């Protein structure tokens, strides 16, 4: 090894089919089943593959009233100290337990200090826009 050449470990992970041993491997990620499959021979190389694709699925405007199927919420506001990071419980079925959870969250969710902060920030923004 030359003194000027730096040694570095190859940390790349190379997955290949144990049956075909093709290079480059012909692997397909089937997100519907969560499997990594060799497209040549059909052997399942890995299961329970995590879908790393983006969750953003629509670009609809909020004022149209359409449901947004994405599971991504609003961005966190650093000025509110994490108080907007909450869980929303939907009142879907008419079971007693669902109704009780919905009511309990309604009582818990009304945070007056957060509403006051939002109103103050809105007013500050209006004054800044006027200047």
N, C-alpha and C. Protein backbone atom coordinates (compact mmCIF):
# COMPACT_ATOMS: atom_id res chain seq x y z
N UNK A 1 0.84 -1.18 0.00
CA UNK A 1 0.00 0.00 0.00
C UNK A 1 0.89 1.24 0.00
N UNK A 2 0.58 2.17 -0.85
CA UNK A 2 1.33 3.41 -0.97
C UNK A 2 1.05 4.31 0.23
N UNK A 3 2.05 5.08 0.66
CA UNK A 3 1.86 5.98 1.81
C UNK A 3 0.85 7.08 1.52
N UNK A 4 0.74 7.49 0.28
CA UNK A 4 -0.17 8.58 -0.09
C UNK A 4 -1.62 8.11 -0.24
N UNK A 5 -1.83 6.81 -0.34
CA UNK A 5 -3.17 6.27 -0.50
C UNK A 5 -3.79 6.02 0.87
N UNK A 6 -4.95 6.63 1.09
CA UNK A 6 -5.65 6.42 2.36
C UNK A 6 -6.47 5.15 2.28
N UNK A 7 -6.50 4.42 3.38
CA UNK A 7 -7.31 3.22 3.45
C UNK A 7 -8.68 3.60 3.96
N UNK A 8 -9.72 3.07 3.34
CA UNK A 8 -11.08 3.29 3.83
C UNK A 8 -11.87 2.00 3.63
N UNK A 9 -12.71 1.71 4.60
CA UNK A 9 -13.52 0.50 4.56
C UNK A 9 -14.73 0.73 3.68
N UNK A 10 -15.09 -0.24 2.85
CA UNK A 10 -16.27 -0.16 2.00
C UNK A 10 -17.49 -0.51 2.84
N UNK A 11 -18.34 0.48 3.11
CA UNK A 11 -19.51 0.27 3.95
C UNK A 11 -20.79 0.09 3.14
N UNK A 12 -20.68 0.00 1.83
CA UNK A 12 -21.86 -0.21 0.99
C UNK A 12 -22.40 -1.62 1.19
N UNK A 13 -23.70 -1.72 1.35
CA UNK A 13 -24.35 -3.02 1.50
C UNK A 13 -24.81 -3.48 0.13
N UNK A 14 -24.38 -4.66 -0.28
CA UNK A 14 -24.78 -5.19 -1.56
C UNK A 14 -25.62 -6.44 -1.32
N UNK A 15 -26.88 -6.38 -1.73
CA UNK A 15 -27.80 -7.50 -1.56
C UNK A 15 -27.90 -8.22 -2.90
N UNK A 16 -27.79 -9.53 -2.85
CA UNK A 16 -27.94 -10.31 -4.07
C UNK A 16 -28.71 -11.60 -3.78
N UNK A 17 -29.28 -12.17 -4.82
CA UNK A 17 -30.04 -13.41 -4.70
C UNK A 17 -29.09 -14.57 -4.45
N UNK A 18 -29.40 -15.40 -3.46
CA UNK A 18 -28.55 -16.55 -3.14
C UNK A 18 -28.66 -17.64 -4.20
N UNK A 19 -29.79 -17.67 -4.93
CA UNK A 19 -29.96 -18.70 -5.96
C UNK A 19 -29.34 -18.28 -7.29
N UNK A 20 -29.66 -17.07 -7.76
CA UNK A 20 -29.19 -16.61 -9.07
C UNK A 20 -27.76 -16.09 -9.04
N UNK A 21 -27.42 -15.36 -8.01
CA UNK A 21 -26.11 -14.71 -7.86
C UNK A 21 -25.76 -13.85 -9.06
N UNK A 22 -26.80 -13.16 -9.60
CA UNK A 22 -26.59 -12.26 -10.72
C UNK A 22 -25.91 -10.98 -10.25
N UNK A 23 -25.01 -10.46 -11.08
CA UNK A 23 -24.41 -9.16 -10.81
C UNK A 23 -24.61 -8.32 -12.06
N UNK A 24 -25.29 -7.22 -12.01
CA UNK A 24 -25.99 -6.66 -10.85
C UNK A 24 -27.27 -7.43 -10.56
N UNK A 25 -27.68 -7.46 -9.30
CA UNK A 25 -28.88 -8.22 -8.94
C UNK A 25 -30.14 -7.59 -9.51
N UNK A 26 -31.09 -8.43 -9.86
CA UNK A 26 -32.37 -8.00 -10.42
C UNK A 26 -33.43 -8.10 -9.32
N UNK A 27 -33.39 -7.16 -8.37
CA UNK A 27 -34.27 -7.21 -7.21
C UNK A 27 -35.37 -6.16 -7.34
N UNK A 28 -36.56 -6.54 -6.86
CA UNK A 28 -37.72 -5.66 -6.92
C UNK A 28 -38.30 -5.52 -5.52
N UNK A 29 -38.58 -4.28 -5.12
CA UNK A 29 -39.24 -4.03 -3.83
C UNK A 29 -40.74 -3.99 -4.06
N UNK A 30 -41.47 -4.92 -3.46
CA UNK A 30 -42.92 -4.95 -3.55
C UNK A 30 -43.48 -4.34 -2.28
N UNK A 31 -43.83 -3.05 -2.36
CA UNK A 31 -44.28 -2.33 -1.17
C UNK A 31 -45.63 -2.81 -0.67
N UNK A 32 -46.46 -3.33 -1.57
CA UNK A 32 -47.78 -3.80 -1.13
C UNK A 32 -47.68 -4.97 -0.18
N UNK A 33 -46.70 -5.85 -0.40
CA UNK A 33 -46.53 -7.00 0.49
C UNK A 33 -45.36 -6.81 1.45
N UNK A 34 -44.52 -5.81 1.19
CA UNK A 34 -43.37 -5.57 2.06
C UNK A 34 -42.22 -6.52 1.82
N UNK A 35 -42.11 -7.06 0.60
CA UNK A 35 -41.08 -8.05 0.30
C UNK A 35 -40.05 -7.49 -0.68
N UNK A 36 -38.83 -8.01 -0.58
CA UNK A 36 -37.78 -7.77 -1.55
C UNK A 36 -37.60 -9.07 -2.31
N UNK A 37 -37.91 -9.07 -3.62
CA UNK A 37 -38.01 -10.29 -4.41
C UNK A 37 -37.03 -10.24 -5.57
N UNK A 38 -36.40 -11.39 -5.85
CA UNK A 38 -35.56 -11.53 -7.04
C UNK A 38 -36.50 -11.64 -8.24
N UNK A 39 -36.36 -10.73 -9.19
CA UNK A 39 -37.26 -10.70 -10.34
C UNK A 39 -36.91 -11.80 -11.35
N UNK A 40 -35.74 -12.37 -11.23
CA UNK A 40 -35.33 -13.43 -12.16
C UNK A 40 -35.92 -14.78 -11.77
N UNK A 41 -35.76 -15.18 -10.48
CA UNK A 41 -36.21 -16.51 -10.07
C UNK A 41 -37.40 -16.48 -9.10
N UNK A 42 -37.74 -15.32 -8.54
CA UNK A 42 -38.89 -15.21 -7.66
C UNK A 42 -38.64 -15.49 -6.20
N UNK A 43 -37.39 -15.67 -5.80
CA UNK A 43 -37.06 -15.94 -4.40
C UNK A 43 -37.23 -14.66 -3.58
N UNK A 44 -37.87 -14.79 -2.41
CA UNK A 44 -38.03 -13.64 -1.51
C UNK A 44 -36.73 -13.47 -0.73
N UNK A 45 -36.05 -12.36 -0.95
CA UNK A 45 -34.77 -12.08 -0.31
C UNK A 45 -34.99 -11.51 1.09
N UNK A 46 -35.95 -10.61 1.23
CA UNK A 46 -36.24 -9.99 2.52
C UNK A 46 -37.71 -9.70 2.64
N UNK A 47 -38.21 -9.69 3.87
CA UNK A 47 -39.61 -9.36 4.10
C UNK A 47 -39.69 -8.21 5.09
N UNK A 48 -40.88 -7.65 5.20
CA UNK A 48 -41.15 -6.51 6.07
C UNK A 48 -40.27 -5.31 5.73
N UNK A 49 -40.14 -5.04 4.45
CA UNK A 49 -39.37 -3.89 3.98
C UNK A 49 -40.15 -2.63 4.34
N UNK A 50 -39.45 -1.64 4.87
CA UNK A 50 -40.07 -0.37 5.24
C UNK A 50 -40.18 0.50 3.99
N UNK A 51 -41.37 1.03 3.77
CA UNK A 51 -41.59 1.91 2.63
C UNK A 51 -40.99 3.28 2.95
N UNK A 52 -39.95 3.66 2.24
CA UNK A 52 -39.26 4.92 2.50
C UNK A 52 -39.73 6.04 1.59
N UNK A 53 -40.74 5.76 0.78
CA UNK A 53 -41.24 6.81 -0.11
C UNK A 53 -41.95 7.88 0.70
N UNK A 54 -42.11 9.05 0.11
CA UNK A 54 -42.72 10.18 0.78
C UNK A 54 -44.20 9.92 1.06
N UNK A 55 -44.69 10.49 2.15
CA UNK A 55 -46.10 10.35 2.52
C UNK A 55 -46.99 11.36 1.82
N UNK A 56 -46.42 12.38 1.18
CA UNK A 56 -47.25 13.39 0.52
C UNK A 56 -47.87 12.77 -0.72
N UNK A 57 -49.20 12.72 -0.74
CA UNK A 57 -49.87 12.08 -1.86
C UNK A 57 -50.81 13.01 -2.61
N UNK A 58 -51.11 14.19 -2.08
CA UNK A 58 -52.00 15.10 -2.78
C UNK A 58 -51.43 16.50 -2.74
N UNK A 59 -51.92 17.31 -3.65
CA UNK A 59 -51.55 18.72 -3.68
C UNK A 59 -52.81 19.57 -3.68
N UNK A 60 -53.88 19.08 -3.07
CA UNK A 60 -55.14 19.81 -3.07
C UNK A 60 -55.07 20.99 -2.12
N UNK A 61 -55.81 22.01 -2.45
CA UNK A 61 -55.86 23.20 -1.60
C UNK A 61 -56.74 22.93 -0.39
N UNK A 62 -56.37 23.54 0.73
CA UNK A 62 -57.14 23.35 1.96
C UNK A 62 -58.52 23.98 1.88
N UNK A 63 -58.66 25.05 1.10
CA UNK A 63 -59.94 25.75 1.06
C UNK A 63 -60.97 25.06 0.17
N UNK A 64 -60.62 23.96 -0.47
CA UNK A 64 -61.58 23.22 -1.28
C UNK A 64 -62.42 22.27 -0.45
N UNK A 65 -61.99 21.98 0.78
CA UNK A 65 -62.76 21.11 1.65
C UNK A 65 -62.58 19.63 1.38
N UNK A 66 -61.62 19.27 0.54
CA UNK A 66 -61.38 17.86 0.26
C UNK A 66 -60.58 17.22 1.38
N UNK A 67 -60.78 15.93 1.59
CA UNK A 67 -59.99 15.20 2.57
C UNK A 67 -58.59 15.00 2.02
N UNK A 68 -57.59 15.18 2.88
CA UNK A 68 -56.21 14.95 2.51
C UNK A 68 -55.81 13.57 3.02
N UNK A 69 -55.53 12.61 2.14
CA UNK A 69 -55.24 11.25 2.59
C UNK A 69 -53.86 11.07 3.20
N UNK A 70 -53.01 12.09 3.15
CA UNK A 70 -51.67 11.93 3.71
C UNK A 70 -51.74 11.93 5.23
N UNK A 71 -50.76 11.28 5.83
CA UNK A 71 -50.72 11.18 7.28
C UNK A 71 -49.75 12.19 7.88
N UNK A 72 -49.30 13.13 7.07
CA UNK A 72 -48.34 14.11 7.54
C UNK A 72 -49.11 15.35 7.97
N UNK A 73 -48.86 15.82 9.17
CA UNK A 73 -49.54 16.99 9.69
C UNK A 73 -48.77 18.26 9.41
N UNK A 74 -49.20 19.33 10.03
CA UNK A 74 -48.53 20.61 9.89
C UNK A 74 -47.15 20.56 10.51
N UNK A 75 -46.30 21.47 10.08
CA UNK A 75 -44.96 21.55 10.65
C UNK A 75 -45.06 22.09 12.07
N UNK A 76 -44.14 21.66 12.93
CA UNK A 76 -44.13 22.12 14.31
C UNK A 76 -43.73 23.59 14.36
N UNK A 77 -44.39 24.36 15.20
CA UNK A 77 -44.08 25.77 15.40
C UNK A 77 -43.16 25.89 16.61
N UNK A 78 -41.91 26.30 16.43
CA UNK A 78 -40.98 26.37 17.57
C UNK A 78 -41.37 27.44 18.59
N UNK A 79 -42.23 28.37 18.22
CA UNK A 79 -42.65 29.43 19.15
C UNK A 79 -43.69 28.94 20.15
N UNK A 80 -44.31 27.80 19.89
CA UNK A 80 -45.37 27.30 20.77
C UNK A 80 -44.89 26.25 21.75
N UNK A 81 -43.61 25.98 21.79
CA UNK A 81 -43.02 25.09 22.79
C UNK A 81 -43.61 23.68 22.75
N UNK A 82 -43.91 23.17 21.57
CA UNK A 82 -44.36 21.79 21.43
C UNK A 82 -45.80 21.53 21.82
N UNK A 83 -46.56 22.55 22.12
CA UNK A 83 -47.93 22.32 22.57
C UNK A 83 -48.86 21.90 21.44
N UNK A 84 -48.45 22.12 20.19
CA UNK A 84 -49.31 21.72 19.07
C UNK A 84 -49.08 20.29 18.64
N UNK A 85 -48.15 19.59 19.29
CA UNK A 85 -47.90 18.19 18.96
C UNK A 85 -48.86 17.33 19.76
N UNK A 86 -49.95 16.98 19.15
CA UNK A 86 -50.99 16.26 19.88
C UNK A 86 -51.58 15.16 19.01
N UNK A 87 -52.39 14.35 19.62
CA UNK A 87 -53.08 13.28 18.93
C UNK A 87 -54.54 13.67 18.77
N UNK A 88 -55.09 13.44 17.60
CA UNK A 88 -56.50 13.74 17.35
C UNK A 88 -57.27 12.43 17.33
N UNK A 89 -58.33 12.37 18.11
CA UNK A 89 -59.17 11.18 18.17
C UNK A 89 -60.44 11.47 17.38
N UNK A 90 -60.68 10.68 16.35
CA UNK A 90 -61.86 10.87 15.51
C UNK A 90 -63.06 10.18 16.15
N UNK A 91 -64.22 10.75 15.94
CA UNK A 91 -65.46 10.17 16.46
C UNK A 91 -66.13 9.46 15.29
N UNK A 92 -65.60 8.28 14.94
CA UNK A 92 -66.07 7.57 13.76
C UNK A 92 -67.29 6.71 14.01
N UNK A 93 -67.20 5.80 14.95
CA UNK A 93 -68.33 4.92 15.22
C UNK A 93 -69.12 5.48 16.41
N UNK A 94 -70.22 4.86 16.70
CA UNK A 94 -71.09 5.39 17.77
C UNK A 94 -70.95 4.60 19.06
N UNK A 95 -69.78 3.99 19.28
CA UNK A 95 -69.60 3.23 20.51
C UNK A 95 -69.42 4.18 21.69
N UNK A 96 -69.74 3.68 22.86
CA UNK A 96 -69.65 4.48 24.08
C UNK A 96 -68.20 4.87 24.35
N UNK A 97 -67.30 3.94 24.17
CA UNK A 97 -65.87 4.21 24.43
C UNK A 97 -65.34 5.29 23.49
N UNK A 98 -65.71 5.23 22.22
CA UNK A 98 -65.27 6.23 21.25
C UNK A 98 -65.81 7.61 21.63
N UNK A 99 -67.06 7.67 22.04
CA UNK A 99 -67.66 8.94 22.44
C UNK A 99 -66.97 9.51 23.67
N UNK A 100 -66.64 8.65 24.65
CA UNK A 100 -65.96 9.11 25.86
C UNK A 100 -64.56 9.63 25.55
N UNK A 101 -63.84 8.93 24.68
CA UNK A 101 -62.51 9.40 24.28
C UNK A 101 -62.58 10.74 23.56
N UNK A 102 -63.57 10.90 22.70
CA UNK A 102 -63.74 12.15 21.96
C UNK A 102 -64.02 13.30 22.91
N UNK A 103 -64.88 13.08 23.88
CA UNK A 103 -65.20 14.13 24.87
C UNK A 103 -64.00 14.46 25.74
N UNK A 104 -63.26 13.42 26.16
CA UNK A 104 -62.08 13.65 27.01
C UNK A 104 -61.03 14.46 26.26
N UNK A 105 -60.85 14.16 24.99
CA UNK A 105 -59.88 14.93 24.23
C UNK A 105 -60.35 16.36 24.03
N UNK A 106 -61.63 16.57 23.86
CA UNK A 106 -62.16 17.92 23.71
C UNK A 106 -61.91 18.77 24.94
N UNK A 107 -62.02 18.16 26.11
CA UNK A 107 -61.74 18.89 27.35
C UNK A 107 -60.25 19.18 27.50
N UNK A 108 -59.43 18.22 27.09
CA UNK A 108 -57.98 18.37 27.21
C UNK A 108 -57.42 19.32 26.15
N UNK A 109 -58.00 19.32 24.96
CA UNK A 109 -57.43 20.02 23.83
C UNK A 109 -57.57 21.52 23.84
N UNK A 110 -58.44 22.08 24.65
CA UNK A 110 -58.63 23.53 24.63
C UNK A 110 -57.60 24.20 25.53
N UNK A 111 -56.49 24.60 24.94
CA UNK A 111 -55.40 25.23 25.67
C UNK A 111 -55.47 26.73 25.42
N UNK A 112 -55.85 27.48 26.44
CA UNK A 112 -56.05 28.93 26.30
C UNK A 112 -54.75 29.67 26.06
N UNK A 113 -53.65 29.21 26.67
CA UNK A 113 -52.38 29.93 26.50
C UNK A 113 -51.88 29.80 25.06
N UNK A 114 -52.08 28.65 24.44
CA UNK A 114 -51.67 28.47 23.05
C UNK A 114 -52.50 29.36 22.13
N UNK A 115 -53.80 29.44 22.38
CA UNK A 115 -54.66 30.30 21.57
C UNK A 115 -54.27 31.76 21.74
N UNK A 116 -53.92 32.16 22.96
CA UNK A 116 -53.49 33.54 23.20
C UNK A 116 -52.17 33.83 22.49
N UNK A 117 -51.24 32.88 22.53
CA UNK A 117 -49.97 33.06 21.83
C UNK A 117 -50.17 33.18 20.32
N UNK A 118 -51.02 32.34 19.76
CA UNK A 118 -51.29 32.41 18.33
C UNK A 118 -51.91 33.74 17.94
N UNK A 119 -52.83 34.24 18.77
CA UNK A 119 -53.44 35.54 18.50
C UNK A 119 -52.39 36.65 18.58
N UNK A 120 -51.49 36.57 19.56
CA UNK A 120 -50.45 37.59 19.70
C UNK A 120 -49.49 37.55 18.52
N UNK A 121 -49.09 36.35 18.09
CA UNK A 121 -48.19 36.24 16.93
C UNK A 121 -48.86 36.75 15.66
N UNK A 122 -50.15 36.52 15.53
CA UNK A 122 -50.88 37.01 14.37
C UNK A 122 -50.91 38.53 14.36
N UNK A 123 -51.11 39.12 15.53
CA UNK A 123 -51.13 40.58 15.63
C UNK A 123 -49.75 41.17 15.36
N UNK A 124 -48.70 40.52 15.85
CA UNK A 124 -47.33 40.98 15.58
C UNK A 124 -47.06 40.91 14.08
N UNK A 125 -47.49 39.83 13.44
CA UNK A 125 -47.32 39.70 12.00
C UNK A 125 -48.05 40.78 11.23
N UNK A 126 -49.25 41.14 11.68
CA UNK A 126 -50.02 42.20 11.03
C UNK A 126 -49.30 43.54 11.15
N UNK A 127 -48.72 43.81 12.33
CA UNK A 127 -47.97 45.06 12.52
C UNK A 127 -46.71 45.07 11.66
N UNK A 128 -46.05 43.93 11.53
CA UNK A 128 -44.85 43.86 10.69
C UNK A 128 -45.20 44.07 9.22
N UNK A 129 -46.34 43.53 8.78
CA UNK A 129 -46.76 43.71 7.40
C UNK A 129 -47.11 45.17 7.10
N UNK A 130 -47.62 45.87 8.12
CA UNK A 130 -48.01 47.27 7.94
C UNK A 130 -46.80 48.18 7.80
N UNK A 131 -45.67 47.75 8.36
CA UNK A 131 -44.45 48.59 8.32
C UNK A 131 -43.78 48.50 7.02
